[in-house]
PDB file of N, CA and C in Angstrom:
ATOM      1  N   MET A   1      49.274 105.396  95.055  1.00  0.00           N
ATOM      2  CA  MET A   1      49.863 105.438  93.688  1.00  0.00           C
ATOM      3  C   MET A   1      50.776 106.671  93.493  1.00  0.00           C
ATOM      4  N   LYS A   2      50.436 107.763  94.026  1.00  0.00           N
ATOM      5  CA  LYS A   2      51.279 108.951  93.925  1.00  0.00           C
ATOM      6  C   LYS A   2      52.621 108.733  94.579  1.00  0.00           C
ATOM      7  N   THR A   3      52.678 108.049  95.724  1.00  0.00           N
ATOM      8  CA  THR A   3      53.839 107.781  96.426  1.00  0.00           C
ATOM      9  C   THR A   3      54.777 106.893  95.498  1.00  0.00           C
ATOM     10  N   LEU A   4      54.200 105.820  95.012  1.00  0.00           N
ATOM     11  CA  LEU A   4      54.980 104.937  94.090  1.00  0.00           C
ATOM     12  C   LEU A   4      55.539 105.714  92.882  1.00  0.00           C
ATOM     13  N   ARG A   5      54.735 106.523  92.337  1.00  0.00           N
ATOM     14  CA  ARG A   5      55.222 107.331  91.155  1.00  0.00           C
ATOM     15  C   ARG A   5      56.355 108.234  91.495  1.00  0.00           C
ATOM     16  N   ARG A   6      56.142 108.957  92.677  1.00  0.00           N
ATOM     17  CA  ARG A   6      57.102 109.805  93.151  1.00  0.00           C
ATOM     18  C   ARG A   6      58.459 109.084  93.513  1.00  0.00           C
ATOM     19  N   LEU A   7      58.448 107.893  94.128  1.00  0.00           N
ATOM     20  CA  LEU A   7      59.525 107.054  94.453  1.00  0.00           C
ATOM     21  C   LEU A   7      60.190 106.539  93.152  1.00  0.00           C
ATOM     22  N   ARG A   8      59.451 106.250  92.241  1.00  0.00           N
ATOM     23  CA  ARG A   8      60.064 105.830  90.951  1.00  0.00           C
ATOM     24  C   ARG A   8      60.699 106.983  90.268  1.00  0.00           C
ATOM     25  N   HIS A   9      60.136 108.096  90.260  1.00  0.00           N
ATOM     26  CA  HIS A   9      60.679 109.277  89.624  1.00  0.00           C
ATOM     27  C   HIS A   9      62.136 109.692  90.343  1.00  0.00           C
ATOM     28  N   SER A  10      61.996 109.624  91.624  1.00  0.00           N
ATOM     29  CA  SER A  10      63.207 109.937  92.456  1.00  0.00           C
ATOM     30  C   SER A  10      64.387 108.844  92.181  1.00  0.00           C
ATOM     31  N   PHE A  11      64.009 107.737  92.066  1.00  0.00           N
ATOM     32  CA  PHE A  11      64.949 106.653  91.719  1.00  0.00           C
ATOM     33  C   PHE A  11      65.549 106.844  90.367  1.00  0.00           C
ATOM     34  N   ALA A  12      64.756 107.239  89.410  1.00  0.00           N
ATOM     35  CA  ALA A  12      65.190 107.446  87.981  1.00  0.00           C
ATOM     36  C   ALA A  12      66.051 108.678  87.954  1.00  0.00           C
ATOM     37  N   ASP A  13      65.824 109.733  88.795  1.00  0.00           N
ATOM     38  CA  ASP A  13      66.751 110.836  88.861  1.00  0.00           C
ATOM     39  C   ASP A  13      68.074 110.458  89.402  1.00  0.00           C
ATOM     40  N   ARG A  14      68.086 109.599  90.365  1.00  0.00           N
ATOM     41  CA  ARG A  14      69.319 109.188  91.003  1.00  0.00           C
ATOM     42  C   ARG A  14      70.185 108.450  90.093  1.00  0.00           C
ATOM     43  N   LEU A  15      69.501 107.529  89.300  1.00  0.00           N
ATOM     44  CA  LEU A  15      70.192 106.639  88.224  1.00  0.00           C
ATOM     45  C   LEU A  15      70.826 107.555  87.238  1.00  0.00           C
ATOM     46  N   SER A  16      70.100 108.581  86.734  1.00  0.00           N
ATOM     47  CA  SER A  16      70.602 109.352  85.653  1.00  0.00           C
ATOM     48  C   SER A  16      71.605 110.477  86.120  1.00  0.00           C
ATOM     49  N   ASP A  17      71.736 110.615  87.466  1.00  0.00           N
ATOM     50  CA  ASP A  17      72.741 111.541  88.000  1.00  0.00           C
ATOM     51  C   ASP A  17      74.129 110.890  87.834  1.00  0.00           C
ATOM     52  N   ASP A  18      74.987 111.479  86.956  1.00  0.00           N
ATOM     53  CA  ASP A  18      76.337 110.958  86.734  1.00  0.00           C
ATOM     54  C   ASP A  18      77.457 111.826  87.311  1.00  0.00           C
ATOM     55  N   THR A  19      77.138 112.445  88.387  1.00  0.00           N
ATOM     56  CA  THR A  19      78.184 113.145  89.101  1.00  0.00           C
ATOM     57  C   THR A  19      79.209 112.286  89.815  1.00  0.00           C
ATOM     58  N   GLY A  20      78.642 111.213  90.223  1.00  0.00           N
ATOM     59  CA  GLY A  20      79.533 110.202  90.906  1.00  0.00           C
ATOM     60  C   GLY A  20      79.975 110.491  92.297  1.00  0.00           C
ATOM     61  N   ASP A  21      80.650 109.559  92.943  1.00  0.00           N
ATOM     62  CA  ASP A  21      81.123 109.767  94.254  1.00  0.00           C
ATOM     63  C   ASP A  21      82.699 109.852  94.195  1.00  0.00           C
ATOM     64  N   VAL A  22      83.207 110.897  93.849  1.00  0.00           N
ATOM     65  CA  VAL A  22      84.596 111.108  93.707  1.00  0.00           C
ATOM     66  C   VAL A  22      85.381 110.862  94.886  1.00  0.00           C
ATOM     67  N   PRO A  23      85.034 111.563  96.044  1.00  0.00           N
ATOM     68  CA  PRO A  23      85.773 111.306  97.312  1.00  0.00           C
ATOM     69  C   PRO A  23      85.903 109.875  97.712  1.00  0.00           C
ATOM     70  N   GLY A  24      84.677 109.154  97.455  1.00  0.00           N
ATOM     71  CA  GLY A  24      84.829 107.642  97.806  1.00  0.00           C
ATOM     72  C   GLY A  24      85.666 106.956  96.999  1.00  0.00           C
ATOM     73  N   TRP A  25      85.738 107.131  95.612  1.00  0.00           N
ATOM     74  CA  TRP A  25      86.579 106.417  94.802  1.00  0.00           C
ATOM     75  C   TRP A  25      88.025 106.838  95.065  1.00  0.00           C
ATOM     76  N   VAL A  26      88.329 108.087  95.369  1.00  0.00           N
ATOM     77  CA  VAL A  26      89.652 108.548  95.714  1.00  0.00           C
ATOM     78  C   VAL A  26      90.079 107.748  97.027  1.00  0.00           C
ATOM     79  N   LEU A  27      89.277 107.652  97.911  1.00  0.00           N
ATOM     80  CA  LEU A  27      89.601 106.894  99.206  1.00  0.00           C
ATOM     81  C   LEU A  27      89.851 105.396  99.004  1.00  0.00           C
ATOM     82  N   ILE A  28      89.038 104.862  98.124  1.00  0.00           N
ATOM     83  CA  ILE A  28      89.247 103.440  97.730  1.00  0.00           C
ATOM     84  C   ILE A  28      90.548 103.149  97.143  1.00  0.00           C
ATOM     85  N   THR A  29      90.790 104.052  96.126  1.00  0.00           N
ATOM     86  CA  THR A  29      92.013 104.020  95.455  1.00  0.00           C
ATOM     87  C   THR A  29      93.360 104.156  96.358  1.00  0.00           C
ATOM     88  N   LEU A  30      93.216 105.139  97.196  1.00  0.00           N
ATOM     89  CA  LEU A  30      94.451 105.296  98.162  1.00  0.00           C
ATOM     90  C   LEU A  30      94.539 104.167  99.131  1.00  0.00           C
ATOM     91  N   MET A  31      93.388 103.639  99.641  1.00  0.00           N
ATOM     92  CA  MET A  31      93.444 102.626 100.565  1.00  0.00           C
ATOM     93  C   MET A  31      93.953 101.241  99.824  1.00  0.00           C
ATOM     94  N   THR A  32      93.690 101.025  98.587  1.00  0.00           N
ATOM     95  CA  THR A  32      94.180  99.915  97.741  1.00  0.00           C
ATOM     96  C   THR A  32      95.582 100.119  97.621  1.00  0.00           C
ATOM     97  N   ALA A  33      96.064 101.260  97.194  1.00  0.00           N
ATOM     98  CA  ALA A  33      97.540 101.451  97.022  1.00  0.00           C
ATOM     99  C   ALA A  33      98.277 101.201  98.319  1.00  0.00           C
ATOM    100  N   GLY A  34      97.778 101.726  99.457  1.00  0.00           N
ATOM    101  CA  GLY A  34      98.361 101.508 100.717  1.00  0.00           C
ATOM    102  C   GLY A  34      98.484 100.041 101.022  1.00  0.00           C
ATOM    103  N   LEU A  35      97.504  99.264 100.879  1.00  0.00           N
ATOM    104  CA  LEU A  35      97.479  97.819 101.065  1.00  0.00           C
ATOM    105  C   LEU A  35      98.533  97.163 100.204  1.00  0.00           C
ATOM    106  N   VAL A  36      98.599  97.571  98.974  1.00  0.00           N
ATOM    107  CA  VAL A  36      99.559  96.921  98.137  1.00  0.00           C
ATOM    108  C   VAL A  36     101.010  97.254  98.650  1.00  0.00           C
ATOM    109  N   ILE A  37     101.296  98.481  99.036  1.00  0.00           N
ATOM    110  CA  ILE A  37     102.531  98.898  99.513  1.00  0.00           C
ATOM    111  C   ILE A  37     102.921  98.068 100.742  1.00  0.00           C
ATOM    112  N   VAL A  38     101.944  97.909 101.687  1.00  0.00           N
ATOM    113  CA  VAL A  38     102.212  97.225 103.009  1.00  0.00           C
ATOM    114  C   VAL A  38     102.448  95.730 102.605  1.00  0.00           C
ATOM    115  N   ILE A  39     101.596  95.078 101.893  1.00  0.00           N
ATOM    116  CA  ILE A  39     101.773  93.739 101.575  1.00  0.00           C
ATOM    117  C   ILE A  39     103.008  93.383 100.867  1.00  0.00           C
ATOM    118  N   TRP A  40     103.347  94.290  99.847  1.00  0.00           N
ATOM    119  CA  TRP A  40     104.598  94.187  99.069  1.00  0.00           C
ATOM    120  C   TRP A  40     105.815  94.268 100.048  1.00  0.00           C
ATOM    121  N   GLY A  41     105.822  95.220 100.940  1.00  0.00           N
ATOM    122  CA  GLY A  41     106.830  95.419 101.921  1.00  0.00           C
ATOM    123  C   GLY A  41     107.079  94.190 102.865  1.00  0.00           C
ATOM    124  N   LEU A  42     105.961  93.579 103.079  1.00  0.00           N
ATOM    125  CA  LEU A  42     106.115  92.391 104.053  1.00  0.00           C
ATOM    126  C   LEU A  42     106.475  91.057 103.309  1.00  0.00           C
ATOM    127  N   ALA A  43     105.860  90.939 102.098  1.00  0.00           N
ATOM    128  CA  ALA A  43     106.031  89.689 101.373  1.00  0.00           C
ATOM    129  C   ALA A  43     107.091  89.736 100.307  1.00  0.00           C
ATOM    130  N   GLY A  44     107.585  90.972 100.005  1.00  0.00           N
ATOM    131  CA  GLY A  44     108.533  91.096  98.913  1.00  0.00           C
ATOM    132  C   GLY A  44     109.800  90.411  99.035  1.00  0.00           C
ATOM    133  N   PRO A  45     110.472  90.352 100.181  1.00  0.00           N
ATOM    134  CA  PRO A  45     111.643  89.599 100.367  1.00  0.00           C
ATOM    135  C   PRO A  45     111.465  88.097 100.146  1.00  0.00           C
ATOM    136  N   ALA A  46     110.331  87.563 100.796  1.00  0.00           N
ATOM    137  CA  ALA A  46     110.061  86.088 100.705  1.00  0.00           C
ATOM    138  C   ALA A  46     109.773  85.794  99.226  1.00  0.00           C
ATOM    139  N   LEU A  47     109.037  86.565  98.541  1.00  0.00           N
ATOM    140  CA  LEU A  47     108.629  86.282  97.190  1.00  0.00           C
ATOM    141  C   LEU A  47     109.907  86.334  96.258  1.00  0.00           C
ATOM    142  N   SER A  48     110.816  87.261  96.577  1.00  0.00           N
ATOM    143  CA  SER A  48     112.055  87.412  95.825  1.00  0.00           C
ATOM    144  C   SER A  48     112.923  86.136  95.961  1.00  0.00           C
ATOM    145  N   GLN A  49     113.049  85.682  97.222  1.00  0.00           N
ATOM    146  CA  GLN A  49     113.765  84.410  97.585  1.00  0.00           C
ATOM    147  C   GLN A  49     113.101  83.201  96.795  1.00  0.00           C
ATOM    148  N   ILE A  50     111.822  83.053  96.774  1.00  0.00           N
ATOM    149  CA  ILE A  50     111.165  82.029  96.268  1.00  0.00           C
ATOM    150  C   ILE A  50     111.372  82.049  94.611  1.00  0.00           C
ATOM    151  N   PHE A  51     111.252  83.114  94.130  1.00  0.00           N
ATOM    152  CA  PHE A  51     111.589  83.425  92.726  1.00  0.00           C
ATOM    153  C   PHE A  51     113.062  82.986  92.278  1.00  0.00           C
ATOM    154  N   GLU A  52     113.928  83.463  93.140  1.00  0.00           N
ATOM    155  CA  GLU A  52     115.342  83.097  92.813  1.00  0.00           C
ATOM    156  C   GLU A  52     115.633  81.701  93.026  1.00  0.00           C
ATOM    157  N   GLN A  53     114.953  80.896  93.919  1.00  0.00           N
ATOM    158  CA  GLN A  53     115.149  79.489  94.075  1.00  0.00           C
ATOM    159  C   GLN A  53     114.592  78.778  92.905  1.00  0.00           C
ATOM    160  N   ALA A  54     113.459  79.245  92.368  1.00  0.00           N
ATOM    161  CA  ALA A  54     112.710  78.610  91.263  1.00  0.00           C
ATOM    162  C   ALA A  54     113.554  78.709  90.030  1.00  0.00           C
ATOM    163  N   ILE A  55     114.149  79.888  89.805  1.00  0.00           N
ATOM    164  CA  ILE A  55     114.966  80.146  88.566  1.00  0.00           C
ATOM    165  C   ILE A  55     116.287  79.312  88.702  1.00  0.00           C
ATOM    166  N   SER A  56     116.816  79.190  89.903  1.00  0.00           N
ATOM    167  CA  SER A  56     118.074  78.434  89.996  1.00  0.00           C
ATOM    168  C   SER A  56     117.897  77.012  89.749  1.00  0.00           C
ATOM    169  N   LYS A  57     116.653  76.475  90.183  1.00  0.00           N
ATOM    170  CA  LYS A  57     116.295  75.086  89.931  1.00  0.00           C
ATOM    171  C   LYS A  57     116.124  74.803  88.420  1.00  0.00           C
ATOM    172  N   VAL A  58     115.459  75.748  87.740  1.00  0.00           N
ATOM    173  CA  VAL A  58     115.184  75.598  86.394  1.00  0.00           C
ATOM    174  C   VAL A  58     116.424  75.763  85.550  1.00  0.00           C
ATOM    175  N   SER A  59     117.229  76.588  85.866  1.00  0.00           N
ATOM    176  CA  SER A  59     118.526  76.889  85.042  1.00  0.00           C
ATOM    177  C   SER A  59     119.605  75.930  85.439  1.00  0.00           C
ATOM    178  N   GLY A  60     119.499  75.356  86.605  1.00  0.00           N
ATOM    179  CA  GLY A  60     120.515  74.396  87.034  1.00  0.00           C
ATOM    180  C   GLY A  60     121.748  75.047  87.530  1.00  0.00           C
ATOM    181  N   LEU A  61     121.678  76.321  87.971  1.00  0.00           N
ATOM    182  CA  LEU A  61     122.878  77.006  88.401  1.00  0.00           C
ATOM    183  C   LEU A  61     123.316  76.598  89.778  1.00  0.00           C
TER     184      LEU A  61
END
């Protein structure tokens, strides 16, 4: 029973700790931004062309 109580207390301490994992979130943010830049660089011209074709079909130019 003492072990369970100690484990529960330790778990509660970790839940109430609000320091966070800042380096982890910074890494996730930078990696996401990097992926967006790479995907935008690869797909940007194709998406631009598709958009222009769609607009020309709708406007009839």
